[in-house]
């Protein structure tokens, strides 16, 4: 089957599972996996995560405008709460939120990273 044969809704869907989520998780893992929280490195990490996620998303060649946000917080035991709200087209637009590490892990206990991707259809 050729790409041209696919239903146009399949070509233009904002697919979190299987497309967006794996890109985001892969980038976070690549940038932060062996790192220990150092405040002076956080701006560089955030920039790398946002740029690399955006690059991965554009390689999907989907008709979306993307917004990528990244928060990196030192794990001090304090809580963190975040909320997202927007008015958009529920059919054509989408959002993906990735928290890293996904589970409390002995491998990474110095920081948390939360990346949000908004995909807005043209």
Protein backbone atom coordinates (compact mmCIF):
# COMPACT_ATOMS: atom_id res chain seq x y z
CA UNK A 1 0.00 0.00 0.00
CA UNK A 2 1.33 3.42 -0.93
CA UNK A 3 1.17 6.41 1.40
CA UNK A 4 -1.11 8.08 -1.15
CA UNK A 5 -3.58 5.23 -0.66
CA UNK A 6 -3.97 5.85 3.05
CA UNK A 7 -7.09 7.51 4.30
CA UNK A 8 -6.39 11.22 4.71
CA UNK A 9 -7.48 11.06 8.36
CA UNK A 10 -4.73 8.49 9.02
CA UNK A 11 -2.14 10.72 7.38
CA UNK A 12 -3.16 13.77 9.38
CA UNK A 13 -3.93 12.26 12.79
CA UNK A 14 -1.97 13.35 15.86
CA UNK A 15 -0.97 9.87 17.02
CA UNK A 16 0.33 9.88 20.60
CA UNK A 17 0.87 6.14 21.06
CA UNK A 18 3.31 4.79 18.51
CA UNK A 19 4.45 8.14 17.08
CA UNK A 20 4.73 11.16 19.37
CA UNK A 21 5.26 9.44 22.74
CA UNK A 22 8.20 7.27 21.55
CA UNK A 23 9.92 10.29 20.01
CA UNK A 24 9.65 12.26 23.25
CA UNK A 25 10.72 9.37 25.49
CA UNK A 26 13.67 8.55 23.24
CA UNK A 27 14.92 12.13 23.27
CA UNK A 28 14.59 12.51 27.05
CA UNK A 29 16.41 9.22 27.57
CA UNK A 30 19.19 10.26 25.17
CA UNK A 31 19.69 13.67 26.81
CA UNK A 32 19.22 12.86 30.52
CA UNK A 33 19.78 9.13 31.09
CA UNK A 34 23.27 9.25 32.65
CA UNK A 35 23.06 12.78 34.02
CA UNK A 36 22.91 14.00 37.60
CA UNK A 37 21.03 17.22 38.30
CA UNK A 38 23.31 20.24 37.93
CA UNK A 39 21.47 23.55 37.83
CA UNK A 40 23.89 25.16 35.38
CA UNK A 41 23.27 22.35 32.85
CA UNK A 42 19.46 22.59 32.94
CA UNK A 43 19.10 25.31 30.26
CA UNK A 44 21.24 23.27 27.84
CA UNK A 45 19.27 20.08 28.56
CA UNK A 46 15.94 21.84 28.06
CA UNK A 47 17.13 23.33 24.77
CA UNK A 48 18.41 19.94 23.58
CA UNK A 49 15.18 18.16 24.51
CA UNK A 50 12.95 20.74 22.81
CA UNK A 51 15.06 20.94 19.63
CA UNK A 52 15.48 17.17 19.29
CA UNK A 53 11.78 16.49 19.92
CA UNK A 54 10.86 19.12 17.33
CA UNK A 55 13.25 17.55 14.83
CA UNK A 56 11.72 14.11 15.41
CA UNK A 57 8.20 15.48 15.02
CA UNK A 58 8.97 17.28 11.76
CA UNK A 59 10.41 14.04 10.37
CA UNK A 60 6.89 12.59 10.67
CA UNK A 61 5.89 15.00 7.90
CA UNK A 62 2.42 15.54 9.34
CA UNK A 63 0.44 18.74 8.71
CA UNK A 64 0.82 20.14 12.22
CA UNK A 65 2.19 23.19 13.91
CA UNK A 66 3.98 21.95 17.03
CA UNK A 67 4.59 23.51 20.41
CA UNK A 68 7.05 21.72 22.70
CA UNK A 69 7.59 22.63 26.35
CA UNK A 70 10.04 21.07 28.78
CA UNK A 71 10.37 21.36 32.55
CA UNK A 72 13.32 19.86 34.41
CA UNK A 73 13.08 19.93 38.18
CA UNK A 74 15.50 18.77 40.82
CA UNK A 75 14.13 15.89 42.88
CA UNK A 76 14.15 17.25 46.41
CA UNK A 77 11.07 15.39 47.57
CA UNK A 78 8.81 18.38 46.96
CA UNK A 79 5.68 17.83 44.93
CA UNK A 80 5.02 19.25 41.50
CA UNK A 81 1.62 19.85 39.98
CA UNK A 82 0.97 20.96 36.44
CA UNK A 83 -2.15 21.50 34.37
CA UNK A 84 -2.76 22.19 30.69
CA UNK A 85 -5.80 23.83 29.23
CA UNK A 86 -6.62 24.88 25.73
CA UNK A 87 -9.43 25.55 23.32
CA UNK A 88 -8.81 23.60 20.16
CA UNK A 89 -10.27 21.25 17.58
CA UNK A 90 -10.64 17.88 19.30
CA UNK A 91 -10.64 16.10 15.94
CA UNK A 92 -7.55 17.68 14.36
CA UNK A 93 -5.42 18.77 17.31
CA UNK A 94 -3.74 16.80 20.06
CA UNK A 95 -1.51 16.85 23.10
CA UNK A 96 1.04 14.45 24.56
CA UNK A 97 2.52 14.74 28.06
CA UNK A 98 5.52 12.62 29.02
CA UNK A 99 6.86 12.42 32.58
CA UNK A 100 10.38 11.05 33.02
CA UNK A 101 11.28 8.84 34.64
CA UNK A 102 7.93 7.14 34.12
CA UNK A 103 8.18 5.38 37.46
CA UNK A 104 10.14 6.16 40.58
CA UNK A 105 13.45 4.64 39.72
CA UNK A 106 16.76 4.02 41.40
CA UNK A 107 18.40 4.81 38.06
CA UNK A 108 17.32 8.46 38.12
CA UNK A 109 16.59 9.97 41.49
CA UNK A 110 18.09 13.44 41.05
CA UNK A 111 15.58 15.05 38.68
CA UNK A 112 12.26 14.89 36.90
CA UNK A 113 11.47 15.98 33.36
CA UNK A 114 8.04 16.74 31.94
CA UNK A 115 7.67 17.36 28.21
CA UNK A 116 4.43 18.51 26.64
CA UNK A 117 3.81 18.46 22.90
CA UNK A 118 0.86 20.22 21.30
CA UNK A 119 0.04 19.32 17.71
CA UNK A 120 -2.23 21.84 16.02
CA UNK A 121 -3.64 20.98 12.62
CA UNK A 122 -3.48 23.50 9.79
